[in-house]
N, C-alpha and C. Protein backbone atom coordinates (compact mmCIF):
# COMPACT_ATOMS: atom_id res chain seq x y z
N MET A 1 17.86 15.25 -4.50
CA MET A 1 17.67 14.26 -5.44
C MET A 1 15.67 14.20 -5.76
N LYS A 2 15.54 14.29 -6.52
CA LYS A 2 14.10 14.30 -7.14
C LYS A 2 13.77 12.95 -7.54
N ILE A 3 12.69 12.48 -7.05
CA ILE A 3 12.07 11.20 -7.40
C ILE A 3 11.03 11.26 -8.56
N SER A 4 11.17 10.63 -9.68
CA SER A 4 10.18 10.63 -10.55
C SER A 4 8.86 10.08 -10.31
N ARG A 5 8.03 10.33 -11.12
CA ARG A 5 6.61 9.87 -11.22
C ARG A 5 6.66 8.16 -11.65
N ASP A 6 7.49 8.04 -12.58
CA ASP A 6 7.85 6.64 -13.23
C ASP A 6 8.30 6.10 -11.80
N ASP A 7 9.35 6.58 -11.24
CA ASP A 7 9.86 5.83 -9.97
C ASP A 7 8.68 5.08 -9.14
N VAL A 8 7.91 6.28 -8.72
CA VAL A 8 6.88 5.72 -7.87
C VAL A 8 6.13 4.77 -8.33
N LEU A 9 5.72 4.75 -9.65
CA LEU A 9 4.83 3.80 -10.43
C LEU A 9 5.55 2.65 -10.46
N ARG A 10 6.89 2.42 -10.42
CA ARG A 10 7.60 1.27 -10.58
C ARG A 10 7.63 0.73 -9.05
N VAL A 11 7.63 1.39 -7.86
CA VAL A 11 7.65 0.94 -6.67
C VAL A 11 6.40 0.48 -6.50
N ALA A 12 5.03 1.01 -6.72
CA ALA A 12 3.98 0.79 -6.54
C ALA A 12 3.49 -0.60 -7.30
N GLU A 13 3.96 -0.57 -8.61
CA GLU A 13 3.83 -1.91 -9.37
C GLU A 13 4.47 -3.01 -8.57
N LEU A 14 5.79 -2.92 -8.15
CA LEU A 14 6.42 -3.89 -7.30
C LEU A 14 5.60 -4.43 -5.82
N ALA A 15 4.83 -3.30 -5.52
CA ALA A 15 4.00 -3.50 -4.23
C ALA A 15 2.62 -4.05 -4.53
N TYR A 16 2.39 -4.21 -5.70
CA TYR A 16 0.89 -4.63 -6.12
C TYR A 16 -0.01 -3.58 -5.70
N LEU A 17 0.32 -2.30 -5.77
CA LEU A 17 -0.67 -1.06 -5.55
C LEU A 17 -1.00 -0.72 -6.65
N ASP A 18 -2.40 -0.29 -6.66
CA ASP A 18 -2.61 0.33 -7.85
C ASP A 18 -3.18 1.85 -7.06
N LEU A 19 -2.28 3.06 -7.53
CA LEU A 19 -2.52 4.27 -6.91
C LEU A 19 -3.61 5.14 -7.79
N THR A 20 -4.22 5.98 -6.99
CA THR A 20 -4.88 7.10 -7.71
C THR A 20 -3.79 8.21 -8.15
N GLU A 21 -4.17 8.95 -8.94
CA GLU A 21 -3.27 10.01 -9.02
C GLU A 21 -3.01 11.09 -8.15
N ALA A 22 -3.75 11.11 -7.29
CA ALA A 22 -3.49 11.95 -6.12
C ALA A 22 -2.86 11.25 -5.08
N GLU A 23 -2.66 9.98 -4.99
CA GLU A 23 -1.94 9.10 -4.10
C GLU A 23 -0.73 9.18 -4.39
N LEU A 24 -0.58 9.07 -6.00
CA LEU A 24 0.71 8.98 -6.63
C LEU A 24 1.53 10.42 -6.42
N GLN A 25 1.03 11.27 -6.59
CA GLN A 25 1.67 12.86 -6.04
C GLN A 25 1.90 12.76 -4.75
N THR A 26 1.30 12.36 -3.68
CA THR A 26 1.53 12.32 -2.19
C THR A 26 2.59 11.40 -1.77
N TYR A 27 2.61 10.13 -2.63
CA TYR A 27 3.81 9.42 -2.22
C TYR A 27 4.90 10.05 -2.63
N ARG A 28 4.92 10.40 -4.04
CA ARG A 28 6.27 10.97 -4.65
C ARG A 28 7.04 12.15 -3.76
N ALA A 29 6.08 12.84 -3.27
CA ALA A 29 6.46 14.14 -2.23
C ALA A 29 7.13 13.33 -0.86
N GLN A 30 5.99 12.69 -0.63
CA GLN A 30 6.85 12.07 0.83
C GLN A 30 8.22 11.18 0.68
N ILE A 31 8.47 10.13 -0.84
CA ILE A 31 9.71 9.74 -0.89
C ILE A 31 10.59 10.46 -1.06
N ASP A 32 10.26 11.79 -2.00
CA ASP A 32 11.16 12.84 -2.23
C ASP A 32 11.96 13.31 -0.96
N GLU A 33 11.06 13.55 0.07
CA GLU A 33 11.40 14.36 1.21
C GLU A 33 12.40 13.21 2.35
N ILE A 34 12.01 11.73 2.12
CA ILE A 34 12.80 10.95 2.85
C ILE A 34 14.05 11.11 2.19
N LEU A 35 14.37 11.04 0.89
CA LEU A 35 15.52 10.78 0.03
C LEU A 35 16.43 12.05 0.53
N GLU A 36 15.82 13.19 0.45
CA GLU A 36 16.64 14.68 0.78
C GLU A 36 17.05 14.47 2.26
N TYR A 37 16.13 14.04 3.08
CA TYR A 37 16.94 13.58 4.56
C TYR A 37 17.87 12.64 4.62
N ILE A 38 17.91 11.74 3.95
CA ILE A 38 19.18 10.94 3.50
C ILE A 38 20.23 11.66 3.11
N GLY A 39 19.97 12.37 2.23
CA GLY A 39 21.29 13.08 1.30
C GLY A 39 21.64 13.98 2.54
N LYS A 40 20.99 14.48 3.50
CA LYS A 40 21.38 15.57 4.68
C LYS A 40 22.27 14.56 5.50
N LEU A 41 21.79 13.66 5.71
CA LEU A 41 22.71 12.56 6.84
C LEU A 41 23.96 12.08 6.02
N ASN A 42 24.10 11.97 4.70
CA ASN A 42 25.27 11.50 3.99
C ASN A 42 26.40 12.85 4.11
N GLU A 43 25.86 13.99 4.42
CA GLU A 43 26.75 15.18 4.21
C GLU A 43 27.65 15.10 5.86
N LEU A 44 27.17 14.09 6.94
CA LEU A 44 27.68 14.40 8.06
C LEU A 44 29.08 13.49 7.78
N ASP A 45 29.98 14.00 8.66
CA ASP A 45 31.53 13.73 8.75
C ASP A 45 31.53 12.68 10.09
N THR A 46 31.62 11.15 9.22
CA THR A 46 31.44 10.02 10.37
C THR A 46 33.32 9.42 10.27
N SER A 47 33.98 10.02 9.72
CA SER A 47 35.22 9.78 9.70
C SER A 47 36.02 9.12 11.04
N LYS A 48 35.50 9.88 12.07
CA LYS A 48 35.86 9.53 13.49
C LYS A 48 35.01 8.66 14.16
N VAL A 49 34.12 8.08 13.69
CA VAL A 49 33.09 7.45 14.29
C VAL A 49 33.48 5.96 14.17
N GLU A 50 33.73 5.14 15.29
CA GLU A 50 34.05 3.49 15.07
C GLU A 50 32.71 2.70 14.43
N PRO A 51 32.70 2.12 13.61
CA PRO A 51 31.86 1.27 12.90
C PRO A 51 31.23 0.24 14.22
N MET A 52 29.74 -0.14 14.13
CA MET A 52 29.40 -0.83 15.03
C MET A 52 29.01 -2.03 14.60
N ALA A 53 29.00 -2.97 15.46
CA ALA A 53 28.76 -4.61 15.17
C ALA A 53 27.37 -4.76 15.96
N GLN A 54 27.07 -4.16 16.92
CA GLN A 54 25.88 -4.31 17.85
C GLN A 54 25.63 -3.04 18.17
N VAL A 55 24.09 -2.94 18.24
CA VAL A 55 23.79 -1.63 18.78
C VAL A 55 23.59 -1.35 20.36
N LEU A 56 23.86 -2.98 21.19
CA LEU A 56 23.86 -2.98 22.49
C LEU A 56 25.19 -2.86 22.97
N ALA A 57 26.01 -1.94 23.10
CA ALA A 57 27.27 -1.97 23.55
C ALA A 57 27.53 -3.01 24.94
N THR A 58 28.68 -3.64 24.68
CA THR A 58 28.79 -4.70 25.55
C THR A 58 29.75 -3.85 26.88
N ASP A 59 30.46 -2.84 26.65
CA ASP A 59 31.44 -2.13 27.35
C ASP A 59 30.58 -1.25 28.36
N GLN A 60 29.20 -0.95 28.15
CA GLN A 60 28.31 -0.14 28.83
C GLN A 60 27.59 -1.22 30.03
N HIS A 61 27.48 -0.52 31.15
CA HIS A 61 26.71 -0.97 32.26
C HIS A 61 25.05 -1.51 32.06
N ALA A 62 24.62 -0.78 31.01
CA ALA A 62 23.04 -0.99 31.00
C ALA A 62 23.02 -2.58 30.69
N ASP A 63 21.72 -2.91 31.25
CA ASP A 63 21.26 -4.49 30.96
C ASP A 63 20.77 -4.70 29.35
N ALA A 64 21.70 -5.46 28.85
CA ALA A 64 21.48 -5.63 27.31
C ALA A 64 20.86 -7.00 27.22
N THR A 65 20.30 -7.50 28.29
CA THR A 65 19.73 -9.06 28.40
C THR A 65 18.16 -9.04 27.59
N LEU A 66 18.19 -9.87 26.96
CA LEU A 66 17.14 -10.00 25.87
C LEU A 66 15.98 -11.02 26.63
N ARG A 67 14.80 -10.72 26.46
CA ARG A 67 13.86 -11.97 26.92
C ARG A 67 14.08 -13.21 26.38
N GLU A 68 13.97 -14.01 27.27
CA GLU A 68 13.76 -15.46 26.63
C GLU A 68 12.59 -15.80 25.49
N ASP A 69 12.74 -16.35 24.58
CA ASP A 69 11.69 -16.59 23.51
C ASP A 69 10.88 -17.94 24.10
N LEU A 70 9.66 -17.60 24.29
CA LEU A 70 8.64 -18.59 24.92
C LEU A 70 7.34 -18.76 23.82
N VAL A 71 7.05 -20.27 23.85
CA VAL A 71 6.15 -20.60 22.90
C VAL A 71 4.64 -20.22 23.84
N VAL A 72 3.88 -19.46 23.29
CA VAL A 72 2.45 -19.48 23.89
C VAL A 72 1.38 -19.89 23.29
N PRO A 73 0.81 -21.13 23.65
CA PRO A 73 -0.49 -21.66 22.62
C PRO A 73 -1.32 -20.58 22.51
N CYS A 74 -2.10 -20.31 21.43
CA CYS A 74 -3.20 -19.81 20.99
C CYS A 74 -4.47 -20.37 21.69
N ALA A 75 -5.10 -19.62 22.57
CA ALA A 75 -6.43 -20.19 22.94
C ALA A 75 -7.59 -20.25 21.91
N VAL A 76 -7.53 -19.64 21.08
CA VAL A 76 -8.47 -19.56 20.11
C VAL A 76 -8.54 -20.13 18.75
N ALA A 77 -7.13 -20.96 18.61
CA ALA A 77 -6.45 -21.02 17.27
C ALA A 77 -7.52 -22.44 16.55
N GLU A 78 -8.03 -23.66 17.54
CA GLU A 78 -8.86 -24.46 16.71
C GLU A 78 -10.16 -23.85 16.59
N ASP A 79 -10.62 -23.04 17.50
CA ASP A 79 -12.02 -22.35 17.12
C ASP A 79 -12.06 -21.72 15.91
N VAL A 80 -10.87 -20.90 15.52
CA VAL A 80 -11.13 -20.38 14.34
C VAL A 80 -10.52 -20.94 13.07
N LEU A 81 -9.89 -22.09 13.27
CA LEU A 81 -9.65 -23.10 12.11
C LEU A 81 -11.02 -23.92 11.82
N HIS A 82 -11.92 -23.94 12.85
CA HIS A 82 -13.10 -24.84 12.90
C HIS A 82 -14.25 -23.84 11.88
N HIS A 83 -13.92 -22.65 12.02
CA HIS A 83 -14.86 -21.73 11.05
C HIS A 83 -14.32 -21.39 10.00
N ALA A 84 -13.03 -21.76 9.76
CA ALA A 84 -12.36 -21.06 8.24
C ALA A 84 -13.00 -22.24 7.22
N PRO A 85 -13.01 -21.69 6.11
CA PRO A 85 -13.87 -22.22 4.83
C PRO A 85 -13.22 -23.50 4.37
N ASP A 86 -11.51 -23.46 4.52
CA ASP A 86 -10.45 -24.51 3.90
C ASP A 86 -9.40 -24.89 4.82
N PRO A 87 -9.56 -25.22 6.22
CA PRO A 87 -8.49 -25.44 7.01
C PRO A 87 -7.66 -26.56 6.46
N GLU A 88 -6.60 -26.58 7.03
CA GLU A 88 -5.47 -27.54 7.15
C GLU A 88 -4.92 -27.46 8.36
N PRO A 89 -5.25 -27.91 9.55
CA PRO A 89 -4.75 -27.38 10.59
C PRO A 89 -2.96 -27.74 10.87
N PRO A 90 -2.07 -26.82 11.13
CA PRO A 90 -2.51 -25.64 11.82
C PRO A 90 -2.57 -24.37 11.01
N TYR A 91 -2.94 -24.57 9.88
CA TYR A 91 -3.16 -23.52 8.75
C TYR A 91 -4.01 -23.11 8.25
N PHE A 92 -4.22 -22.11 7.63
CA PHE A 92 -5.49 -21.69 6.49
C PHE A 92 -5.01 -21.60 5.17
N ARG A 93 -5.78 -22.62 4.57
CA ARG A 93 -5.42 -22.68 2.89
C ARG A 93 -6.19 -21.54 2.27
N VAL A 94 -5.53 -20.55 1.50
CA VAL A 94 -6.10 -19.44 0.99
C VAL A 94 -5.67 -19.36 -0.87
N PRO A 95 -6.53 -18.85 -1.38
CA PRO A 95 -6.31 -18.92 -3.08
C PRO A 95 -4.81 -18.11 -3.32
N LYS A 96 -4.19 -18.30 -4.44
CA LYS A 96 -3.11 -17.80 -4.43
C LYS A 96 -3.49 -16.54 -5.07
N VAL A 97 -2.57 -15.34 -4.47
CA VAL A 97 -2.71 -13.98 -4.51
C VAL A 97 -1.72 -13.44 -5.45
N ILE A 98 -0.68 -14.20 -5.76
CA ILE A 98 0.49 -13.19 -6.59
C ILE A 98 0.34 -13.82 -7.92
N GLU A 99 -0.47 -13.20 -8.75
CA GLU A 99 -0.54 -13.50 -10.37
C GLU A 99 0.07 -12.95 -11.14
N ARG A 100 0.90 -11.62 -10.91
CA ARG A 100 1.34 -10.88 -11.84
C ARG A 100 2.59 -11.67 -12.46
């Protein structure tokens, strides 16, 4: 599967990227390689592979325990906000950047 220059330009536009001609060719080649690899994966026979709902199998004896989420206060947050041009704690107010 070959990806076209227009496809790369469209993806760049969606990502708000202005690419040089050299970058455009580099990314086109890289995306094309990725898509070719995915095509190879699609050739594999997975008919005897059972679908997975979890990547951590419960029938295995491996420890699949995830750590507990902890809220850790930021020691420098107040200082950073104090030096910000337009703070509204606990946030920074910034100009709108999505204008397209």
